[in-house]
Structure formats: C-alpha cells, structure tokens
Amino acid sequence: MNVVEIERKTLSPEEYNDTQGWVVAHERRKKAKDKRNAEPATNADGASMEASRRLKDFSHRRPVPKEPQLPEDDYKVVIRPGGGLDLTLQSLALIRDCVLRAAKVQPDIAGEDTFRINMRQNTMIMSTPSLASAKEYSNIKEIMINDKSYATAAYVTAQKTHPKG
C-alpha cells in the first residue's frame, strides 16, 4: 500500500492519484465530448443545441489575418457604394474593373495602384502613388456593375502625419 505524507498528513491511494491535474481535466473533457456526440439529437431541443454549438464554434474561429499595410506615401481613396450594392456578393476583379472604368483610368496606368475591399464596412480603398489617378478616383459618382448603376461617395483620406479633428 502506497502512503504519501504531505505536511504531516497521511494520504491514502484513493486520496492521492498520480494522474491528477491537467490529465484528469483532459480526460473529463474528452468523456463529456464523447457523451455529447454519442447522444443523437432526436428532438427539437437537441437540434437547437447542435445549432448553438456550431454557432459557438464559429464565433471562436481565428480572425482573418491582416493584409500588409498600404504604402505610406500613396494617396488613399475611399469609395463608399450606395444603392444597396453588397461588395461581398461580387468578385474582386469585377469590382476593380468597374472602378477603373468609372474613373476612366487606363489599366496600364493603374498597374501600380492597389485595390482593397473592406468587407466589414462595405467600402473600397484604392491606393495610388499618382495624384492624377487619386483625383480621378475621388471624382467617381457612380459605378456600373452587371448593367446596374450604383451611386458612390469617394474621397481622398488625410495622410497619417496630418492631425485629425
């Protein structure tokens, strides 16, 4: 019989177990997970529990990694679409081509420009080193996507070195 003494107290083998701590916690978690997976969702409550579990798993996913910063010296033009245009439903190439067409900027000149879409804010950002191109992008009033016209608001953002407010 193994007897362990801790601070002048004698513990029996039932009280002391070599697999305490995180090992036990992991085993308990695994047993609980196996038990949840083994129970079929036969009623509506089980189905709703499964849906809430999937939603919880979705909310704990890693966020999308940040894109590299745009060049500091470039002019950044923010284009905000209106008229119900959802940028998440269109391809990036199609939207970029429509923006270039609306700004009347030639593709060979726009080759050095960087185009990004902020899906969360439903905005487009065009970064360009050319002042002339920035002016053209900021003058966009509407864009045509799939033969439908959408009103837009475009503006050049302030440089990071300029104070805001």
N, C-alpha and C. Protein backbone atom coordinates (compact mmCIF):
# COMPACT_ATOMS: atom_id res chain seq x y z
N MET A 1 0.84 -1.18 0.00
CA MET A 1 0.00 0.00 0.00
C MET A 1 0.88 1.24 0.00
N ASN A 2 0.67 2.13 -0.97
CA ASN A 2 1.42 3.37 -1.05
C ASN A 2 0.80 4.40 -0.12
N VAL A 3 1.65 5.01 0.66
CA VAL A 3 1.19 6.07 1.55
C VAL A 3 2.04 7.29 1.27
N VAL A 4 1.42 8.43 1.12
CA VAL A 4 2.11 9.67 0.84
C VAL A 4 1.85 10.62 1.98
N GLU A 5 2.92 11.30 2.42
CA GLU A 5 2.76 12.25 3.51
C GLU A 5 2.97 13.66 2.98
N ILE A 6 2.00 14.53 3.22
CA ILE A 6 2.08 15.92 2.80
C ILE A 6 1.79 16.78 4.01
N GLU A 7 2.75 17.59 4.39
CA GLU A 7 2.63 18.48 5.54
C GLU A 7 2.04 17.76 6.75
N ARG A 8 2.66 16.68 7.09
CA ARG A 8 2.32 15.88 8.26
C ARG A 8 0.92 15.27 8.19
N LYS A 9 0.39 15.11 6.98
CA LYS A 9 -0.89 14.43 6.81
C LYS A 9 -0.65 13.19 5.97
N THR A 10 -1.22 12.12 6.34
CA THR A 10 -1.08 10.89 5.60
C THR A 10 -2.28 10.74 4.66
N LEU A 11 -1.96 10.49 3.38
CA LEU A 11 -2.99 10.33 2.36
C LEU A 11 -3.02 8.88 1.89
N SER A 12 -4.21 8.38 1.69
CA SER A 12 -4.36 7.02 1.16
C SER A 12 -4.25 7.08 -0.36
N PRO A 13 -4.09 5.93 -1.04
CA PRO A 13 -4.01 5.93 -2.51
C PRO A 13 -5.27 6.49 -3.16
N GLU A 14 -6.43 6.36 -2.52
CA GLU A 14 -7.64 6.91 -3.10
C GLU A 14 -7.60 8.44 -3.11
N GLU A 15 -6.99 9.01 -2.06
CA GLU A 15 -6.91 10.47 -1.97
C GLU A 15 -5.81 11.03 -2.86
N TYR A 16 -4.77 10.23 -3.07
CA TYR A 16 -3.65 10.68 -3.89
C TYR A 16 -3.62 9.85 -5.16
N ASN A 17 -3.55 10.51 -6.26
CA ASN A 17 -3.51 9.81 -7.55
C ASN A 17 -2.45 10.50 -8.39
N ASP A 18 -1.58 9.72 -9.04
CA ASP A 18 -0.51 10.29 -9.86
C ASP A 18 -1.04 11.04 -11.07
N THR A 19 -2.26 10.76 -11.49
CA THR A 19 -2.79 11.39 -12.70
C THR A 19 -3.72 12.55 -12.36
N GLN A 20 -3.39 13.32 -11.40
CA GLN A 20 -4.20 14.49 -11.06
C GLN A 20 -3.82 15.67 -11.94
N GLY A 21 -4.58 16.72 -11.83
CA GLY A 21 -4.26 17.96 -12.55
C GLY A 21 -4.84 17.96 -13.95
N TRP A 22 -4.02 18.41 -14.89
CA TRP A 22 -4.48 18.60 -16.26
C TRP A 22 -4.84 17.30 -16.95
N VAL A 23 -4.19 16.21 -16.56
CA VAL A 23 -4.51 14.93 -17.19
C VAL A 23 -5.96 14.56 -16.89
N VAL A 24 -6.37 14.72 -15.66
CA VAL A 24 -7.74 14.41 -15.27
C VAL A 24 -8.70 15.37 -15.96
N ALA A 25 -8.34 16.63 -16.02
CA ALA A 25 -9.20 17.62 -16.68
C ALA A 25 -9.40 17.27 -18.15
N HIS A 26 -8.33 16.87 -18.82
CA HIS A 26 -8.44 16.49 -20.24
C HIS A 26 -9.31 15.23 -20.40
N GLU A 27 -9.13 14.27 -19.50
CA GLU A 27 -9.93 13.06 -19.57
C GLU A 27 -11.41 13.36 -19.37
N ARG A 28 -11.72 14.21 -18.40
CA ARG A 28 -13.11 14.57 -18.16
C ARG A 28 -13.71 15.31 -19.35
N ARG A 29 -12.95 16.20 -19.93
CA ARG A 29 -13.43 16.95 -21.09
C ARG A 29 -13.70 16.01 -22.26
N LYS A 30 -12.78 15.05 -22.46
CA LYS A 30 -12.95 14.10 -23.56
C LYS A 30 -14.17 13.22 -23.34
N LYS A 31 -14.38 12.76 -22.10
CA LYS A 31 -15.55 11.94 -21.81
C LYS A 31 -16.83 12.72 -22.04
N ALA A 32 -16.85 13.97 -21.62
CA ALA A 32 -18.05 14.80 -21.82
C ALA A 32 -18.31 15.03 -23.30
N LYS A 33 -17.25 15.24 -24.07
CA LYS A 33 -17.41 15.45 -25.51
C LYS A 33 -17.92 14.19 -26.18
N ASP A 34 -17.35 13.03 -25.80
CA ASP A 34 -17.80 11.76 -26.37
C ASP A 34 -19.27 11.49 -26.02
N LYS A 35 -19.65 11.84 -24.80
CA LYS A 35 -21.03 11.64 -24.37
C LYS A 35 -21.98 12.53 -25.18
N ARG A 36 -21.59 13.78 -25.43
CA ARG A 36 -22.43 14.68 -26.22
C ARG A 36 -22.56 14.18 -27.65
N ASN A 37 -21.46 13.68 -28.21
CA ASN A 37 -21.50 13.19 -29.59
C ASN A 37 -22.27 11.88 -29.71
N ALA A 38 -22.30 11.07 -28.65
CA ALA A 38 -22.97 9.78 -28.69
C ALA A 38 -24.48 9.93 -28.62
N GLU A 39 -24.98 11.00 -27.99
CA GLU A 39 -26.42 11.19 -27.85
C GLU A 39 -26.97 11.77 -29.14
N PRO A 40 -27.86 11.03 -29.82
CA PRO A 40 -28.44 11.57 -31.06
C PRO A 40 -29.44 12.68 -30.74
N ALA A 41 -29.48 13.68 -31.61
CA ALA A 41 -30.42 14.78 -31.45
C ALA A 41 -31.76 14.35 -32.04
N THR A 42 -32.62 13.79 -31.17
CA THR A 42 -33.89 13.27 -31.66
C THR A 42 -35.03 14.26 -31.53
N ASN A 43 -34.87 15.24 -30.66
CA ASN A 43 -35.95 16.21 -30.50
C ASN A 43 -35.49 17.59 -30.94
N ALA A 44 -36.39 18.53 -30.90
CA ALA A 44 -36.07 19.89 -31.35
C ALA A 44 -35.03 20.54 -30.45
N ASP A 45 -35.06 20.21 -29.15
CA ASP A 45 -34.08 20.80 -28.24
C ASP A 45 -32.67 20.35 -28.61
N GLY A 46 -32.53 19.09 -28.98
CA GLY A 46 -31.22 18.58 -29.40
C GLY A 46 -30.73 19.27 -30.65
N ALA A 47 -31.64 19.52 -31.57
CA ALA A 47 -31.26 20.21 -32.81
C ALA A 47 -30.85 21.64 -32.52
N SER A 48 -31.56 22.29 -31.61
CA SER A 48 -31.20 23.67 -31.29
C SER A 48 -29.87 23.71 -30.54
N MET A 49 -29.61 22.67 -29.72
CA MET A 49 -28.32 22.62 -29.02
C MET A 49 -27.20 22.46 -30.03
N GLU A 50 -27.42 21.63 -31.05
CA GLU A 50 -26.40 21.43 -32.09
C GLU A 50 -26.15 22.73 -32.84
N ALA A 51 -27.21 23.45 -33.15
CA ALA A 51 -27.06 24.72 -33.86
C ALA A 51 -26.32 25.73 -33.01
N SER A 52 -26.62 25.79 -31.71
CA SER A 52 -25.92 26.74 -30.85
C SER A 52 -24.46 26.34 -30.69
N ARG A 53 -24.18 25.02 -30.70
CA ARG A 53 -22.79 24.57 -30.59
C ARG A 53 -22.00 24.99 -31.83
N ARG A 54 -22.64 24.85 -33.02
CA ARG A 54 -21.97 25.26 -34.26
C ARG A 54 -21.72 26.77 -34.27
N LEU A 55 -22.70 27.53 -33.77
CA LEU A 55 -22.55 28.98 -33.71
C LEU A 55 -21.42 29.36 -32.76
N LYS A 56 -21.32 28.65 -31.64
CA LYS A 56 -20.25 28.92 -30.69
C LYS A 56 -18.89 28.60 -31.31
N ASP A 57 -18.80 27.48 -32.02
CA ASP A 57 -17.55 27.13 -32.69
C ASP A 57 -17.18 28.18 -33.72
N PHE A 58 -18.17 28.70 -34.44
CA PHE A 58 -17.91 29.72 -35.46
C PHE A 58 -17.39 31.01 -34.83
N SER A 59 -17.93 31.37 -33.66
CA SER A 59 -17.52 32.62 -33.03
C SER A 59 -16.11 32.55 -32.44
N HIS A 60 -15.60 31.34 -32.25
CA HIS A 60 -14.26 31.20 -31.68
C HIS A 60 -13.18 30.99 -32.74
N ARG A 61 -13.55 31.08 -33.99
CA ARG A 61 -12.55 30.91 -35.04
C ARG A 61 -11.60 32.09 -35.04
N ARG A 62 -10.44 31.84 -35.56
CA ARG A 62 -9.45 32.91 -35.66
C ARG A 62 -9.91 33.96 -36.65
N PRO A 63 -9.61 35.21 -36.36
CA PRO A 63 -9.96 36.25 -37.34
C PRO A 63 -9.06 36.14 -38.56
N VAL A 64 -9.53 36.71 -39.64
CA VAL A 64 -8.75 36.71 -40.87
C VAL A 64 -7.49 37.52 -40.64
N PRO A 65 -6.32 37.04 -41.07
CA PRO A 65 -5.10 37.80 -40.85
C PRO A 65 -5.15 39.14 -41.57
N LYS A 66 -4.50 40.13 -40.96
CA LYS A 66 -4.48 41.46 -41.56
C LYS A 66 -3.66 41.45 -42.84
N GLU A 67 -4.09 42.26 -43.77
CA GLU A 67 -3.33 42.43 -45.00
C GLU A 67 -2.16 43.37 -44.72
N PRO A 68 -1.12 43.32 -45.55
CA PRO A 68 0.00 44.24 -45.34
C PRO A 68 -0.46 45.68 -45.48
N GLN A 69 0.23 46.57 -44.78
CA GLN A 69 -0.15 47.98 -44.84
C GLN A 69 0.08 48.53 -46.24
N LEU A 70 -0.76 49.47 -46.59
CA LEU A 70 -0.60 50.14 -47.88
C LEU A 70 0.60 51.08 -47.79
N PRO A 71 1.24 51.38 -48.91
CA PRO A 71 2.40 52.28 -48.88
C PRO A 71 2.05 53.62 -48.24
N GLU A 72 2.93 54.10 -47.38
CA GLU A 72 2.67 55.33 -46.63
C GLU A 72 2.56 56.56 -47.52
N ASP A 73 3.35 56.60 -48.58
CA ASP A 73 3.39 57.79 -49.43
C ASP A 73 2.26 57.83 -50.45
N ASP A 74 1.52 56.74 -50.59
CA ASP A 74 0.44 56.70 -51.57
C ASP A 74 -0.76 57.54 -51.13
N TYR A 75 -1.54 57.95 -52.11
CA TYR A 75 -2.82 58.59 -51.85
C TYR A 75 -3.84 57.47 -51.69
N LYS A 76 -4.62 57.53 -50.63
CA LYS A 76 -5.66 56.52 -50.41
C LYS A 76 -7.01 57.13 -50.67
N VAL A 77 -7.76 56.52 -51.57
CA VAL A 77 -9.10 56.99 -51.91
C VAL A 77 -10.10 55.95 -51.41
N VAL A 78 -11.02 56.39 -50.57
CA VAL A 78 -12.07 55.51 -50.05
C VAL A 78 -13.30 55.72 -50.91
N ILE A 79 -13.87 54.62 -51.37
CA ILE A 79 -15.08 54.67 -52.21
C ILE A 79 -16.17 53.92 -51.45
N ARG A 80 -17.24 54.65 -51.11
CA ARG A 80 -18.37 54.06 -50.38
C ARG A 80 -19.53 53.87 -51.34
N PRO A 81 -19.89 52.63 -51.61
CA PRO A 81 -21.01 52.40 -52.54
C PRO A 81 -22.35 52.61 -51.87
N GLY A 82 -23.32 52.98 -52.65
CA GLY A 82 -24.68 53.15 -52.16
C GLY A 82 -25.62 52.35 -53.04
N GLY A 83 -26.89 52.57 -52.86
CA GLY A 83 -27.88 51.91 -53.70
C GLY A 83 -28.02 50.43 -53.47
N GLY A 84 -27.59 49.95 -52.31
CA GLY A 84 -27.77 48.53 -51.99
C GLY A 84 -26.71 47.61 -52.56
N LEU A 85 -25.57 48.14 -53.00
CA LEU A 85 -24.51 47.29 -53.53
C LEU A 85 -23.81 46.57 -52.38
N ASP A 86 -23.84 45.25 -52.41
CA ASP A 86 -23.16 44.43 -51.42
C ASP A 86 -21.88 43.90 -52.05
N LEU A 87 -20.75 44.39 -51.57
CA LEU A 87 -19.46 44.02 -52.17
C LEU A 87 -19.10 42.56 -51.93
N THR A 88 -19.68 41.94 -50.92
CA THR A 88 -19.35 40.55 -50.64
C THR A 88 -19.91 39.60 -51.69
N LEU A 89 -20.89 40.06 -52.46
CA LEU A 89 -21.52 39.20 -53.46
C LEU A 89 -20.87 39.29 -54.83
N GLN A 90 -19.89 40.17 -55.00
CA GLN A 90 -19.24 40.38 -56.29
C GLN A 90 -17.78 39.94 -56.20
N SER A 91 -17.19 39.64 -57.33
CA SER A 91 -15.78 39.26 -57.34
C SER A 91 -14.91 40.52 -57.28
N LEU A 92 -13.74 40.36 -56.70
CA LEU A 92 -12.81 41.48 -56.55
C LEU A 92 -12.39 42.02 -57.91
N ALA A 93 -12.12 41.15 -58.87
CA ALA A 93 -11.68 41.59 -60.20
C ALA A 93 -12.77 42.38 -60.91
N LEU A 94 -14.00 41.93 -60.80
CA LEU A 94 -15.12 42.63 -61.44
C LEU A 94 -15.28 44.03 -60.85
N ILE A 95 -15.23 44.13 -59.54
CA ILE A 95 -15.39 45.44 -58.89
C ILE A 95 -14.24 46.36 -59.28
N ARG A 96 -13.01 45.85 -59.28
CA ARG A 96 -11.85 46.68 -59.65
C ARG A 96 -11.98 47.18 -61.08
N ASP A 97 -12.38 46.32 -62.00
CA ASP A 97 -12.55 46.74 -63.39
C ASP A 97 -13.63 47.81 -63.52
N CYS A 98 -14.71 47.66 -62.78
CA CYS A 98 -15.78 48.67 -62.83
C CYS A 98 -15.32 50.00 -62.24
N VAL A 99 -14.51 49.96 -61.20
CA VAL A 99 -13.98 51.20 -60.61
C VAL A 99 -13.04 51.88 -61.60
N LEU A 100 -12.17 51.12 -62.25
CA LEU A 100 -11.26 51.70 -63.24
C LEU A 100 -12.03 52.31 -64.40
N ARG A 101 -13.09 51.63 -64.84
CA ARG A 101 -13.92 52.16 -65.92
C ARG A 101 -14.61 53.46 -65.50
N ALA A 102 -15.13 53.49 -64.28
CA ALA A 102 -15.83 54.68 -63.80
C ALA A 102 -14.88 55.86 -63.63
N ALA A 103 -13.63 55.58 -63.23
CA ALA A 103 -12.65 56.64 -63.03
C ALA A 103 -11.95 57.03 -64.33
N LYS A 104 -12.17 56.25 -65.38
CA LYS A 104 -11.53 56.48 -66.68
C LYS A 104 -10.00 56.45 -66.56
N VAL A 105 -9.51 55.48 -65.78
CA VAL A 105 -8.07 55.27 -65.62
C VAL A 105 -7.70 54.05 -66.45
N GLN A 106 -6.66 54.19 -67.26
CA GLN A 106 -6.22 53.10 -68.13
C GLN A 106 -5.59 51.98 -67.28
N PRO A 107 -5.81 50.72 -67.65
CA PRO A 107 -5.26 49.60 -66.88
C PRO A 107 -3.74 49.62 -66.76
N ASP A 108 -3.04 50.09 -67.81
CA ASP A 108 -1.57 50.13 -67.72
C ASP A 108 -1.12 51.19 -66.71
N ILE A 109 -1.86 52.28 -66.57
CA ILE A 109 -1.53 53.31 -65.58
C ILE A 109 -1.91 52.82 -64.18
N ALA A 110 -3.00 52.06 -64.09
CA ALA A 110 -3.49 51.57 -62.80
C ALA A 110 -2.71 50.35 -62.32
N GLY A 111 -1.72 49.91 -63.07
CA GLY A 111 -0.95 48.74 -62.69
C GLY A 111 -0.22 48.89 -61.37
N GLU A 112 0.15 50.11 -61.02
CA GLU A 112 0.86 50.33 -59.76
C GLU A 112 -0.09 50.67 -58.61
N ASP A 113 -1.38 50.72 -58.88
CA ASP A 113 -2.37 51.02 -57.85
C ASP A 113 -2.76 49.73 -57.12
N THR A 114 -3.10 49.88 -55.85
CA THR A 114 -3.53 48.74 -55.03
C THR A 114 -5.00 48.92 -54.69
N PHE A 115 -5.78 47.86 -54.93
CA PHE A 115 -7.22 47.90 -54.68
C PHE A 115 -7.57 46.92 -53.58
N ARG A 116 -8.31 47.39 -52.59
CA ARG A 116 -8.74 46.53 -51.49
C ARG A 116 -10.21 46.77 -51.19
N ILE A 117 -10.84 45.76 -50.66
CA ILE A 117 -12.23 45.87 -50.23
C ILE A 117 -12.28 45.56 -48.74
N ASN A 118 -12.95 46.44 -47.99
CA ASN A 118 -13.20 46.18 -46.58
C ASN A 118 -14.61 45.60 -46.49
N MET A 119 -14.68 44.28 -46.34
CA MET A 119 -15.97 43.59 -46.35
C MET A 119 -16.83 43.99 -45.15
N ARG A 120 -16.19 44.25 -44.02
CA ARG A 120 -16.93 44.58 -42.81
C ARG A 120 -17.64 45.92 -42.96
N GLN A 121 -16.96 46.90 -43.57
CA GLN A 121 -17.55 48.24 -43.72
C GLN A 121 -18.18 48.45 -45.10
N ASN A 122 -18.06 47.46 -45.98
CA ASN A 122 -18.60 47.54 -47.33
C ASN A 122 -18.04 48.78 -48.06
N THR A 123 -16.72 48.94 -47.99
CA THR A 123 -16.05 50.05 -48.67
C THR A 123 -14.92 49.51 -49.53
N MET A 124 -14.50 50.34 -50.49
CA MET A 124 -13.37 50.02 -51.34
C MET A 124 -12.28 51.05 -51.07
N ILE A 125 -11.03 50.61 -51.13
CA ILE A 125 -9.90 51.52 -50.95
C ILE A 125 -8.97 51.34 -52.14
N MET A 126 -8.65 52.45 -52.78
CA MET A 126 -7.70 52.45 -53.89
C MET A 126 -6.49 53.26 -53.44
N SER A 127 -5.34 52.63 -53.42
CA SER A 127 -4.10 53.29 -53.03
C SER A 127 -3.27 53.50 -54.29
N THR A 128 -2.86 54.75 -54.52
CA THR A 128 -2.12 55.07 -55.74
C THR A 128 -1.02 56.08 -55.45
N PRO A 129 0.13 55.94 -56.09
CA PRO A 129 1.19 56.94 -55.91
C PRO A 129 0.97 58.18 -56.78
N SER A 130 0.04 58.12 -57.71
CA SER A 130 -0.18 59.21 -58.66
C SER A 130 -1.30 60.13 -58.17
N LEU A 131 -1.00 61.43 -58.11
CA LEU A 131 -2.00 62.42 -57.72
C LEU A 131 -3.12 62.50 -58.75
N ALA A 132 -2.76 62.40 -60.03
CA ALA A 132 -3.77 62.46 -61.09
C ALA A 132 -4.76 61.30 -60.97
N SER A 133 -4.25 60.11 -60.71
CA SER A 133 -5.14 58.95 -60.54
C SER A 133 -6.01 59.11 -59.29
N ALA A 134 -5.42 59.64 -58.23
CA ALA A 134 -6.20 59.86 -56.99
C ALA A 134 -7.35 60.82 -57.25
N LYS A 135 -7.10 61.87 -58.03
CA LYS A 135 -8.17 62.81 -58.36
C LYS A 135 -9.26 62.13 -59.18
N GLU A 136 -8.85 61.29 -60.13
CA GLU A 136 -9.84 60.57 -60.94
C GLU A 136 -10.69 59.64 -60.08
N TYR A 137 -10.04 58.91 -59.16
CA TYR A 137 -10.79 58.00 -58.29
C TYR A 137 -11.74 58.77 -57.37
N SER A 138 -11.30 59.93 -56.88
CA SER A 138 -12.14 60.68 -55.95
C SER A 138 -13.32 61.35 -56.65
N ASN A 139 -13.28 61.44 -57.98
CA ASN A 139 -14.39 62.03 -58.73
C ASN A 139 -15.46 61.02 -59.13
N ILE A 140 -15.31 59.78 -58.73
CA ILE A 140 -16.29 58.75 -59.07
C ILE A 140 -17.61 59.07 -58.35
N LYS A 141 -18.67 59.17 -59.11
CA LYS A 141 -20.00 59.43 -58.55
C LYS A 141 -20.90 58.20 -58.63
N GLU A 142 -20.63 57.33 -59.60
CA GLU A 142 -21.39 56.09 -59.72
C GLU A 142 -20.55 55.05 -60.45
N ILE A 143 -20.86 53.79 -60.16
CA ILE A 143 -20.20 52.70 -60.86
C ILE A 143 -21.27 51.77 -61.42
N MET A 144 -20.94 51.15 -62.54
CA MET A 144 -21.85 50.20 -63.19
C MET A 144 -21.32 48.79 -62.95
N ILE A 145 -22.12 47.97 -62.28
CA ILE A 145 -21.78 46.57 -62.05
C ILE A 145 -22.94 45.72 -62.53
N ASN A 146 -22.64 44.80 -63.45
CA ASN A 146 -23.67 43.91 -64.03
C ASN A 146 -24.84 44.71 -64.60
N ASP A 147 -24.52 45.74 -65.37
CA ASP A 147 -25.52 46.59 -66.04
C ASP A 147 -26.45 47.31 -65.07
N LYS A 148 -26.01 47.50 -63.84
CA LYS A 148 -26.81 48.25 -62.87
C LYS A 148 -25.93 49.36 -62.30
N SER A 149 -26.50 50.55 -62.19
CA SER A 149 -25.76 51.72 -61.71
C SER A 149 -25.93 51.86 -60.19
N TYR A 150 -24.81 52.12 -59.51
CA TYR A 150 -24.82 52.32 -58.06
C TYR A 150 -24.14 53.65 -57.77
N ALA A 151 -24.79 54.48 -56.97
CA ALA A 151 -24.20 55.75 -56.56
C ALA A 151 -23.06 55.48 -55.58
N THR A 152 -22.04 56.33 -55.62
CA THR A 152 -20.90 56.17 -54.71
C THR A 152 -20.50 57.53 -54.15
N ALA A 153 -19.82 57.48 -53.03
CA ALA A 153 -19.18 58.66 -52.45
C ALA A 153 -17.71 58.31 -52.32
N ALA A 154 -16.84 59.13 -52.91
CA ALA A 154 -15.40 58.86 -52.89
C ALA A 154 -14.66 60.08 -52.36
N TYR A 155 -13.61 59.83 -51.59
CA TYR A 155 -12.81 60.92 -51.05
C TYR A 155 -11.39 60.43 -50.79
N VAL A 156 -10.46 61.38 -50.83
CA VAL A 156 -9.06 61.08 -50.53
C VAL A 156 -8.88 61.25 -49.02
N THR A 157 -8.26 60.27 -48.38
CA THR A 157 -8.06 60.35 -46.94
C THR A 157 -6.86 61.22 -46.62
N ALA A 158 -6.82 61.72 -45.39
CA ALA A 158 -5.69 62.52 -44.93
C ALA A 158 -4.49 61.60 -44.70
N GLN A 159 -3.30 62.14 -44.89
CA GLN A 159 -2.08 61.37 -44.62
C GLN A 159 -1.99 61.09 -43.13
N LYS A 160 -1.26 60.05 -42.75
CA LYS A 160 -1.14 59.70 -41.34
C LYS A 160 -0.42 60.77 -40.54
N THR A 161 0.41 61.57 -41.20
CA THR A 161 1.17 62.59 -40.49
C THR A 161 0.32 63.82 -40.18
N HIS A 162 -0.83 63.94 -40.82
CA HIS A 162 -1.69 65.10 -40.59
C HIS A 162 -2.58 64.85 -39.37
N PRO A 163 -2.75 65.88 -38.55
CA PRO A 163 -3.63 65.70 -37.39
C PRO A 163 -5.09 65.59 -37.82
N LYS A 164 -5.86 64.87 -37.03
CA LYS A 164 -7.27 64.70 -37.33
C LYS A 164 -8.09 65.46 -36.29
N GLY A 165 -9.22 65.95 -36.72
CA GLY A 165 -10.11 66.60 -35.76
C GLY A 165 -10.34 68.04 -36.04
